């Protein structure tokens, strides 16, 4: 955990430095989503890329990066959202997701839920059905799960 200006950040670096623990973490997600007919894994910049890409490969889905503004070439759609410490925006390539596709949203952590909500809105605007959100860590005291409007959330670890 790292603190900056009164905000506590959870750090996944030690998990990534242990190849067995990292693989076991990815395998837990793969086991859950294999055979669920998910065609899109959307990873939220940047740590959602770390987990989303191997999950997508293992379940036979395409990986769609959801990025901060002005990082994707070509035409994009965007969604602004509130953070506990300000505002931000996510962007996705126009045409990356087709109407009717089943999507999984992946990030390393859910805090207040703003980023996951923005990701779901982007995918739904493109016509996808968001099946579930998946995170390694949840900070339940920040009640982010409550902002997901009943969308299922799968987490491996709660941190208080």
N, C-alpha and C. Protein backbone atom coordinates (compact mmCIF):
# COMPACT_ATOMS: atom_id res chain seq x y z
N UNK A 1 0.85 -1.16 0.00
CA UNK A 1 0.00 0.00 0.00
C UNK A 1 0.90 1.24 0.00
N UNK A 2 0.55 2.23 -0.82
CA UNK A 2 1.30 3.48 -0.94
C UNK A 2 0.34 4.62 -0.64
N UNK A 3 0.82 5.65 0.08
CA UNK A 3 -0.03 6.79 0.38
C UNK A 3 0.49 8.02 -0.35
N UNK A 4 -0.47 8.79 -0.94
CA UNK A 4 -0.10 10.02 -1.64
C UNK A 4 -1.20 11.04 -1.38
N UNK A 5 -0.86 12.14 -0.79
CA UNK A 5 -1.81 13.23 -0.52
C UNK A 5 -3.09 12.72 0.14
N UNK A 6 -2.95 11.83 1.12
CA UNK A 6 -4.10 11.33 1.86
C UNK A 6 -4.86 10.22 1.18
N UNK A 7 -4.39 9.74 0.02
CA UNK A 7 -5.05 8.65 -0.71
C UNK A 7 -4.16 7.41 -0.61
N UNK A 8 -4.76 6.30 -0.22
CA UNK A 8 -4.02 5.05 -0.11
C UNK A 8 -4.15 4.26 -1.42
N UNK A 9 -3.02 3.82 -1.97
CA UNK A 9 -3.02 3.02 -3.19
C UNK A 9 -2.56 1.61 -2.85
N UNK A 10 -3.29 0.60 -3.35
CA UNK A 10 -2.89 -0.79 -3.18
C UNK A 10 -1.86 -1.10 -4.27
N UNK A 11 -0.84 -1.87 -3.93
CA UNK A 11 0.23 -2.17 -4.86
C UNK A 11 0.25 -3.66 -5.17
N UNK A 12 0.17 -4.01 -6.46
CA UNK A 12 0.17 -5.40 -6.88
C UNK A 12 1.55 -5.87 -7.33
N UNK A 13 2.57 -5.04 -7.17
CA UNK A 13 3.90 -5.37 -7.67
C UNK A 13 4.42 -6.68 -7.12
N UNK A 14 4.24 -6.93 -5.83
CA UNK A 14 4.77 -8.18 -5.26
C UNK A 14 4.10 -9.40 -5.90
N UNK A 15 2.83 -9.30 -6.24
CA UNK A 15 2.14 -10.38 -6.93
C UNK A 15 2.77 -10.62 -8.31
N UNK A 16 3.05 -9.56 -9.03
CA UNK A 16 3.61 -9.67 -10.38
C UNK A 16 5.04 -10.19 -10.37
N UNK A 17 5.77 -9.98 -9.27
CA UNK A 17 7.15 -10.44 -9.16
C UNK A 17 7.26 -11.92 -8.84
N UNK A 18 6.14 -12.55 -8.50
CA UNK A 18 6.12 -13.98 -8.18
C UNK A 18 5.39 -14.71 -9.31
N UNK A 19 6.13 -15.33 -10.24
CA UNK A 19 5.49 -15.94 -11.41
C UNK A 19 4.40 -16.96 -11.05
N UNK A 20 4.60 -17.76 -10.03
CA UNK A 20 3.59 -18.75 -9.66
C UNK A 20 2.33 -18.07 -9.14
N UNK A 21 2.48 -17.08 -8.26
CA UNK A 21 1.32 -16.37 -7.72
C UNK A 21 0.58 -15.62 -8.83
N UNK A 22 1.32 -15.01 -9.75
CA UNK A 22 0.72 -14.29 -10.87
C UNK A 22 -0.08 -15.26 -11.75
N UNK A 23 0.53 -16.40 -12.10
CA UNK A 23 -0.15 -17.40 -12.93
C UNK A 23 -1.38 -17.94 -12.19
N UNK A 24 -1.24 -18.24 -10.92
CA UNK A 24 -2.38 -18.75 -10.14
C UNK A 24 -3.53 -17.74 -10.12
N UNK A 25 -3.21 -16.46 -10.04
CA UNK A 25 -4.22 -15.40 -10.03
C UNK A 25 -4.97 -15.38 -11.37
N UNK A 26 -4.22 -15.39 -12.45
CA UNK A 26 -4.83 -15.40 -13.79
C UNK A 26 -5.68 -16.67 -13.95
N UNK A 27 -5.16 -17.81 -13.48
CA UNK A 27 -5.88 -19.08 -13.62
C UNK A 27 -7.22 -19.06 -12.88
N UNK A 28 -7.29 -18.38 -11.75
CA UNK A 28 -8.56 -18.28 -11.02
C UNK A 28 -9.62 -17.57 -11.87
N UNK A 29 -9.21 -16.51 -12.55
CA UNK A 29 -10.13 -15.80 -13.43
C UNK A 29 -10.51 -16.67 -14.64
N UNK A 30 -9.51 -17.30 -15.24
CA UNK A 30 -9.76 -18.14 -16.42
C UNK A 30 -10.75 -19.26 -16.08
N UNK A 31 -10.56 -19.89 -14.93
CA UNK A 31 -11.45 -20.96 -14.51
C UNK A 31 -12.90 -20.46 -14.41
N UNK A 32 -13.06 -19.25 -13.91
CA UNK A 32 -14.40 -18.69 -13.75
C UNK A 32 -15.05 -18.36 -15.10
N UNK A 33 -14.27 -17.88 -16.08
CA UNK A 33 -14.85 -17.35 -17.31
C UNK A 33 -14.77 -18.28 -18.51
N UNK A 34 -14.01 -19.36 -18.43
CA UNK A 34 -13.95 -20.31 -19.53
C UNK A 34 -15.34 -20.93 -19.72
N UNK A 35 -15.81 -20.99 -20.95
CA UNK A 35 -17.09 -21.59 -21.23
C UNK A 35 -18.29 -20.69 -20.97
N UNK A 36 -18.06 -19.39 -20.68
CA UNK A 36 -19.16 -18.45 -20.42
C UNK A 36 -19.53 -17.65 -21.67
N UNK A 37 -18.98 -18.03 -22.82
CA UNK A 37 -19.30 -17.38 -24.09
C UNK A 37 -18.98 -15.89 -24.07
N UNK A 38 -17.86 -15.54 -23.46
CA UNK A 38 -17.40 -14.15 -23.44
C UNK A 38 -16.53 -13.93 -24.67
N UNK A 39 -16.86 -12.92 -25.46
CA UNK A 39 -16.12 -12.66 -26.69
C UNK A 39 -15.18 -11.46 -26.57
N UNK A 40 -15.36 -10.66 -25.51
CA UNK A 40 -14.54 -9.45 -25.31
C UNK A 40 -14.07 -9.39 -23.86
N UNK A 41 -12.78 -9.22 -23.69
CA UNK A 41 -12.24 -8.87 -22.38
C UNK A 41 -11.72 -7.45 -22.51
N UNK A 42 -12.33 -6.53 -21.75
CA UNK A 42 -11.93 -5.12 -21.79
C UNK A 42 -11.08 -4.83 -20.55
N UNK A 43 -9.84 -4.46 -20.78
CA UNK A 43 -8.93 -4.16 -19.68
C UNK A 43 -8.77 -2.67 -19.51
N UNK A 44 -8.86 -2.23 -18.25
CA UNK A 44 -8.74 -0.80 -17.94
C UNK A 44 -7.28 -0.46 -17.72
N UNK A 45 -6.84 0.63 -18.39
CA UNK A 45 -5.46 1.10 -18.28
C UNK A 45 -5.09 1.37 -16.84
N UNK A 46 -3.95 0.99 -16.43
CA UNK A 46 -2.98 0.16 -17.13
C UNK A 46 -2.94 -1.23 -16.52
N UNK A 47 -3.25 -1.36 -15.26
CA UNK A 47 -3.11 -2.66 -14.62
C UNK A 47 -4.17 -3.66 -15.06
N UNK A 48 -5.27 -3.19 -15.59
CA UNK A 48 -6.26 -4.10 -16.16
C UNK A 48 -5.72 -4.81 -17.39
N UNK A 49 -4.73 -4.20 -18.06
CA UNK A 49 -4.08 -4.85 -19.20
C UNK A 49 -3.31 -6.08 -18.73
N UNK A 50 -2.67 -5.96 -17.57
CA UNK A 50 -1.80 -7.02 -17.05
C UNK A 50 -2.60 -8.30 -16.84
N UNK A 51 -3.81 -8.18 -16.31
CA UNK A 51 -4.63 -9.36 -16.04
C UNK A 51 -5.56 -9.70 -17.19
N UNK A 52 -6.07 -8.68 -17.87
CA UNK A 52 -7.04 -8.91 -18.94
C UNK A 52 -6.49 -9.64 -20.15
N UNK A 53 -5.27 -9.31 -20.54
CA UNK A 53 -4.69 -9.92 -21.74
C UNK A 53 -4.53 -11.43 -21.60
N UNK A 54 -3.91 -11.95 -20.54
CA UNK A 54 -3.81 -13.41 -20.45
C UNK A 54 -5.16 -14.10 -20.27
N UNK A 55 -6.10 -13.44 -19.61
CA UNK A 55 -7.44 -14.02 -19.47
C UNK A 55 -8.07 -14.14 -20.86
N UNK A 56 -8.00 -13.07 -21.66
CA UNK A 56 -8.56 -13.10 -23.01
C UNK A 56 -7.95 -14.22 -23.85
N UNK A 57 -6.64 -14.34 -23.82
CA UNK A 57 -5.98 -15.39 -24.59
C UNK A 57 -6.45 -16.78 -24.18
N UNK A 58 -6.55 -17.01 -22.89
CA UNK A 58 -6.91 -18.34 -22.38
C UNK A 58 -8.37 -18.70 -22.65
N UNK A 59 -9.27 -17.72 -22.67
CA UNK A 59 -10.68 -18.06 -22.89
C UNK A 59 -11.10 -17.87 -24.36
N UNK A 60 -10.15 -17.47 -25.20
CA UNK A 60 -10.43 -17.33 -26.63
C UNK A 60 -11.24 -16.09 -26.98
N UNK A 61 -11.03 -15.01 -26.23
CA UNK A 61 -11.74 -13.75 -26.48
C UNK A 61 -10.75 -12.71 -27.01
N UNK A 62 -11.29 -11.68 -27.64
CA UNK A 62 -10.43 -10.57 -28.03
C UNK A 62 -10.20 -9.67 -26.82
N UNK A 63 -9.07 -8.98 -26.84
CA UNK A 63 -8.76 -8.03 -25.76
C UNK A 63 -8.95 -6.62 -26.29
N UNK A 64 -9.72 -5.81 -25.55
CA UNK A 64 -9.96 -4.42 -25.93
C UNK A 64 -9.40 -3.53 -24.82
N UNK A 65 -8.39 -2.71 -25.14
CA UNK A 65 -7.85 -1.80 -24.13
C UNK A 65 -8.74 -0.57 -23.96
N UNK A 66 -9.03 -0.23 -22.71
CA UNK A 66 -9.74 1.00 -22.38
C UNK A 66 -8.68 1.94 -21.82
N UNK A 67 -8.44 3.06 -22.52
CA UNK A 67 -7.28 3.88 -22.22
C UNK A 67 -7.65 5.29 -21.79
N UNK A 68 -6.67 5.96 -21.21
CA UNK A 68 -6.80 7.38 -20.87
C UNK A 68 -6.86 8.17 -22.17
N UNK A 69 -7.32 9.42 -22.12
CA UNK A 69 -7.49 10.21 -23.34
C UNK A 69 -6.21 10.37 -24.17
N UNK A 70 -6.40 10.37 -25.50
CA UNK A 70 -5.36 10.67 -26.48
C UNK A 70 -4.24 9.63 -26.54
N UNK A 71 -4.54 8.40 -26.14
CA UNK A 71 -3.52 7.34 -26.21
C UNK A 71 -3.82 6.35 -27.33
N UNK A 72 -5.07 6.32 -27.80
CA UNK A 72 -5.45 5.40 -28.87
C UNK A 72 -5.46 6.13 -30.21
N UNK A 73 -4.88 5.53 -31.25
CA UNK A 73 -4.95 6.15 -32.57
C UNK A 73 -6.34 5.93 -33.18
N UNK A 74 -6.71 6.77 -34.10
CA UNK A 74 -7.98 6.59 -34.80
C UNK A 74 -9.17 7.11 -34.02
N UNK A 75 -10.35 6.74 -34.48
CA UNK A 75 -11.58 7.24 -33.87
C UNK A 75 -11.90 6.46 -32.60
N UNK A 76 -12.35 7.20 -31.59
CA UNK A 76 -12.65 6.61 -30.29
C UNK A 76 -14.00 7.13 -29.79
N UNK A 77 -14.55 6.40 -28.83
CA UNK A 77 -15.65 6.92 -28.03
C UNK A 77 -15.10 7.08 -26.62
N UNK A 78 -15.64 8.04 -25.88
CA UNK A 78 -15.08 8.31 -24.56
C UNK A 78 -16.18 8.45 -23.52
N UNK A 79 -15.78 8.27 -22.28
CA UNK A 79 -16.69 8.37 -21.14
C UNK A 79 -15.94 9.02 -19.98
N UNK A 80 -16.45 10.17 -19.53
CA UNK A 80 -15.86 10.83 -18.36
C UNK A 80 -16.47 10.27 -17.09
N UNK A 81 -15.70 10.32 -16.00
CA UNK A 81 -16.18 9.79 -14.73
C UNK A 81 -15.49 10.48 -13.57
N UNK A 82 -16.11 10.34 -12.39
CA UNK A 82 -15.59 10.93 -11.16
C UNK A 82 -14.68 9.94 -10.45
N UNK A 83 -13.58 10.44 -9.94
CA UNK A 83 -12.68 9.69 -9.07
C UNK A 83 -12.79 10.26 -7.67
N UNK A 84 -12.27 9.53 -6.69
CA UNK A 84 -12.28 10.06 -5.33
C UNK A 84 -11.40 11.31 -5.22
N UNK A 85 -10.54 11.53 -6.20
CA UNK A 85 -9.63 12.68 -6.17
C UNK A 85 -9.70 13.53 -7.43
N UNK A 86 -10.84 13.51 -8.14
CA UNK A 86 -10.99 14.36 -9.33
C UNK A 86 -11.82 13.70 -10.41
N UNK A 87 -11.57 14.08 -11.66
CA UNK A 87 -12.28 13.53 -12.82
C UNK A 87 -11.26 12.88 -13.75
N UNK A 88 -11.76 11.95 -14.55
CA UNK A 88 -10.92 11.31 -15.55
C UNK A 88 -11.79 10.87 -16.71
N UNK A 89 -11.19 10.18 -17.66
CA UNK A 89 -11.90 9.78 -18.87
C UNK A 89 -11.29 8.48 -19.38
N UNK A 90 -12.13 7.61 -19.93
CA UNK A 90 -11.68 6.40 -20.60
C UNK A 90 -12.08 6.48 -22.06
N UNK A 91 -11.25 5.92 -22.93
CA UNK A 91 -11.57 5.86 -24.35
C UNK A 91 -11.42 4.44 -24.87
N UNK A 92 -12.19 4.15 -25.93
CA UNK A 92 -12.16 2.84 -26.57
C UNK A 92 -12.25 3.08 -28.08
N UNK A 93 -11.54 2.26 -28.85
CA UNK A 93 -11.64 2.36 -30.30
C UNK A 93 -13.07 2.17 -30.77
N UNK A 94 -13.50 3.04 -31.64
CA UNK A 94 -14.80 2.89 -32.29
C UNK A 94 -14.75 1.63 -33.14
N UNK A 95 -15.71 0.75 -32.98
CA UNK A 95 -15.74 -0.49 -33.75
C UNK A 95 -15.00 -1.66 -33.11
N UNK A 96 -14.37 -1.44 -31.96
CA UNK A 96 -13.65 -2.54 -31.29
C UNK A 96 -14.61 -3.59 -30.77
N UNK A 97 -15.82 -3.16 -30.45
CA UNK A 97 -16.84 -4.04 -29.90
C UNK A 97 -18.07 -3.98 -30.79
N UNK A 98 -18.62 -5.14 -31.09
CA UNK A 98 -19.81 -5.22 -31.94
C UNK A 98 -21.06 -5.37 -31.08
N UNK A 99 -22.19 -4.85 -31.55
CA UNK A 99 -23.45 -5.05 -30.82
C UNK A 99 -23.71 -6.54 -30.57
N UNK A 100 -24.15 -6.84 -29.35
CA UNK A 100 -24.47 -8.22 -28.98
C UNK A 100 -23.33 -9.02 -28.40
N UNK A 101 -22.10 -8.48 -28.46
CA UNK A 101 -20.98 -9.23 -27.88
C UNK A 101 -21.09 -9.25 -26.36
N UNK A 102 -20.59 -10.34 -25.78
CA UNK A 102 -20.59 -10.50 -24.32
C UNK A 102 -19.21 -10.11 -23.79
N UNK A 103 -19.20 -9.14 -22.85
CA UNK A 103 -17.95 -8.54 -22.40
C UNK A 103 -17.70 -8.77 -20.92
N UNK A 104 -16.43 -8.89 -20.59
CA UNK A 104 -15.93 -8.93 -19.23
C UNK A 104 -15.03 -7.71 -19.05
N UNK A 105 -15.23 -6.96 -17.97
CA UNK A 105 -14.38 -5.80 -17.67
C UNK A 105 -13.40 -6.22 -16.59
N UNK A 106 -12.10 -5.95 -16.82
CA UNK A 106 -11.06 -6.37 -15.89
C UNK A 106 -10.23 -5.17 -15.44
N UNK A 107 -10.00 -5.09 -14.14
CA UNK A 107 -9.06 -4.11 -13.57
C UNK A 107 -8.39 -4.76 -12.36
N UNK A 108 -7.37 -4.10 -11.85
CA UNK A 108 -6.68 -4.68 -10.70
C UNK A 108 -7.46 -4.46 -9.41
N UNK A 109 -8.22 -3.34 -9.34
CA UNK A 109 -8.82 -2.94 -8.07
C UNK A 109 -10.10 -2.17 -8.29
N UNK A 110 -11.06 -2.36 -7.39
CA UNK A 110 -12.23 -1.49 -7.34
C UNK A 110 -12.21 -0.74 -6.02
N UNK A 111 -12.29 0.58 -6.14
CA UNK A 111 -12.36 1.45 -4.96
C UNK A 111 -13.77 2.04 -4.91
N UNK A 112 -13.96 3.21 -5.50
CA UNK A 112 -15.29 3.85 -5.49
C UNK A 112 -16.18 3.38 -6.64
N UNK A 113 -15.62 2.66 -7.60
CA UNK A 113 -16.40 2.11 -8.70
C UNK A 113 -16.54 3.00 -9.92
N UNK A 114 -16.01 4.23 -9.87
CA UNK A 114 -16.16 5.15 -10.99
C UNK A 114 -15.55 4.66 -12.28
N UNK A 115 -14.37 4.08 -12.22
CA UNK A 115 -13.70 3.61 -13.42
C UNK A 115 -14.45 2.44 -14.04
N UNK A 116 -14.88 1.49 -13.21
CA UNK A 116 -15.64 0.35 -13.74
C UNK A 116 -16.95 0.80 -14.36
N UNK A 117 -17.63 1.76 -13.74
CA UNK A 117 -18.88 2.28 -14.29
C UNK A 117 -18.65 2.91 -15.67
N UNK A 118 -17.59 3.68 -15.80
CA UNK A 118 -17.27 4.30 -17.09
C UNK A 118 -16.98 3.24 -18.13
N UNK A 119 -16.24 2.20 -17.75
CA UNK A 119 -15.93 1.11 -18.68
C UNK A 119 -17.20 0.42 -19.14
N UNK A 120 -18.10 0.13 -18.22
CA UNK A 120 -19.35 -0.53 -18.59
C UNK A 120 -20.17 0.35 -19.52
N UNK A 121 -20.22 1.65 -19.25
CA UNK A 121 -20.98 2.56 -20.12
C UNK A 121 -20.41 2.58 -21.54
N UNK A 122 -19.08 2.60 -21.66
CA UNK A 122 -18.47 2.57 -22.99
C UNK A 122 -18.89 1.32 -23.74
N UNK A 123 -18.76 0.17 -23.11
CA UNK A 123 -19.09 -1.09 -23.76
C UNK A 123 -20.57 -1.17 -24.10
N UNK A 124 -21.41 -0.74 -23.21
CA UNK A 124 -22.86 -0.78 -23.47
C UNK A 124 -23.26 0.20 -24.56
N UNK A 125 -22.61 1.35 -24.63
CA UNK A 125 -22.88 2.30 -25.73
C UNK A 125 -22.55 1.68 -27.07
N UNK A 126 -21.56 0.79 -27.10
CA UNK A 126 -21.17 0.10 -28.33
C UNK A 126 -22.08 -1.09 -28.61
N UNK A 127 -23.00 -1.39 -27.71
CA UNK A 127 -23.95 -2.47 -27.92
C UNK A 127 -23.59 -3.79 -27.27
N UNK A 128 -22.52 -3.82 -26.50
CA UNK A 128 -22.12 -5.06 -25.83
C UNK A 128 -22.95 -5.29 -24.57
N UNK A 129 -23.03 -6.54 -24.18
CA UNK A 129 -23.63 -6.92 -22.90
C UNK A 129 -22.49 -7.17 -21.93
N UNK A 130 -22.40 -6.37 -20.88
CA UNK A 130 -21.36 -6.59 -19.87
C UNK A 130 -21.85 -7.71 -18.96
N UNK A 131 -21.14 -8.82 -18.99
CA UNK A 131 -21.51 -10.00 -18.22
C UNK A 131 -21.12 -9.83 -16.75
N UNK A 132 -19.91 -9.30 -16.53
CA UNK A 132 -19.41 -9.17 -15.17
C UNK A 132 -18.19 -8.27 -15.18
N UNK A 133 -17.85 -7.76 -14.00
CA UNK A 133 -16.59 -7.05 -13.78
C UNK A 133 -15.74 -7.93 -12.88
N UNK A 134 -14.42 -7.91 -13.10
CA UNK A 134 -13.51 -8.74 -12.33
C UNK A 134 -12.32 -7.91 -11.89
N UNK A 135 -12.01 -7.99 -10.60
CA UNK A 135 -10.86 -7.27 -10.04
C UNK A 135 -10.10 -8.19 -9.08
N UNK A 136 -8.83 -7.95 -8.96
CA UNK A 136 -8.03 -8.71 -8.01
C UNK A 136 -8.39 -8.28 -6.59
N UNK A 137 -8.51 -6.96 -6.37
CA UNK A 137 -8.72 -6.41 -5.02
C UNK A 137 -9.96 -5.54 -4.98
N UNK A 138 -10.70 -5.63 -3.88
CA UNK A 138 -11.81 -4.72 -3.62
C UNK A 138 -11.55 -4.01 -2.30
N UNK A 139 -11.82 -2.71 -2.29
CA UNK A 139 -11.79 -1.92 -1.06
C UNK A 139 -13.25 -1.71 -0.64
N UNK A 140 -13.84 -2.66 0.10
CA UNK A 140 -15.28 -2.61 0.38
C UNK A 140 -15.74 -1.39 1.16
N UNK A 141 -14.87 -0.80 1.95
CA UNK A 141 -15.26 0.38 2.73
C UNK A 141 -15.64 1.56 1.83
N UNK A 142 -15.14 1.57 0.58
CA UNK A 142 -15.44 2.67 -0.33
C UNK A 142 -16.72 2.45 -1.13
N UNK A 143 -17.35 1.29 -0.95
CA UNK A 143 -18.68 0.99 -1.49
C UNK A 143 -18.79 1.10 -3.02
N UNK A 144 -17.71 0.81 -3.73
CA UNK A 144 -17.74 0.85 -5.19
C UNK A 144 -18.70 -0.14 -5.80
N UNK A 145 -18.85 -1.29 -5.17
CA UNK A 145 -19.76 -2.33 -5.66
C UNK A 145 -21.19 -1.79 -5.79
N UNK A 146 -21.57 -0.91 -4.86
CA UNK A 146 -22.92 -0.34 -4.87
C UNK A 146 -23.18 0.54 -6.09
N UNK A 147 -22.14 1.09 -6.68
CA UNK A 147 -22.30 1.95 -7.85
C UNK A 147 -22.45 1.18 -9.15
N UNK A 148 -22.30 -0.14 -9.11
CA UNK A 148 -22.33 -0.94 -10.34
C UNK A 148 -23.74 -1.31 -10.79
N UNK A 149 -24.75 -0.75 -10.16
CA UNK A 149 -26.15 -0.95 -10.56
C UNK A 149 -26.52 -2.43 -10.68
N UNK A 150 -26.05 -3.22 -9.72
CA UNK A 150 -26.41 -4.64 -9.69
C UNK A 150 -25.60 -5.53 -10.61
N UNK A 151 -24.66 -4.96 -11.36
CA UNK A 151 -23.82 -5.77 -12.25
C UNK A 151 -22.92 -6.65 -11.38
N UNK A 152 -22.80 -7.94 -11.70
CA UNK A 152 -21.95 -8.82 -10.89
C UNK A 152 -20.50 -8.37 -10.87
N UNK A 153 -19.89 -8.51 -9.71
CA UNK A 153 -18.48 -8.18 -9.51
C UNK A 153 -17.81 -9.37 -8.85
N UNK A 154 -16.73 -9.84 -9.44
CA UNK A 154 -15.96 -10.94 -8.90
C UNK A 154 -14.61 -10.42 -8.47
N UNK A 155 -14.27 -10.62 -7.21
CA UNK A 155 -12.97 -10.19 -6.69
C UNK A 155 -12.30 -11.35 -5.98
N UNK A 156 -10.97 -11.32 -5.96
CA UNK A 156 -10.21 -12.36 -5.30
C UNK A 156 -9.87 -12.02 -3.85
N UNK A 157 -9.78 -10.71 -3.55
CA UNK A 157 -9.31 -10.30 -2.22
C UNK A 157 -9.98 -9.00 -1.81
N UNK A 158 -10.45 -8.94 -0.58
CA UNK A 158 -10.94 -7.69 -0.02
C UNK A 158 -9.86 -7.11 0.87
N UNK A 159 -9.66 -5.81 0.78
CA UNK A 159 -8.65 -5.13 1.57
C UNK A 159 -9.29 -4.01 2.37
N UNK A 160 -9.01 -3.97 3.65
CA UNK A 160 -9.62 -2.95 4.53
C UNK A 160 -8.60 -1.97 5.01
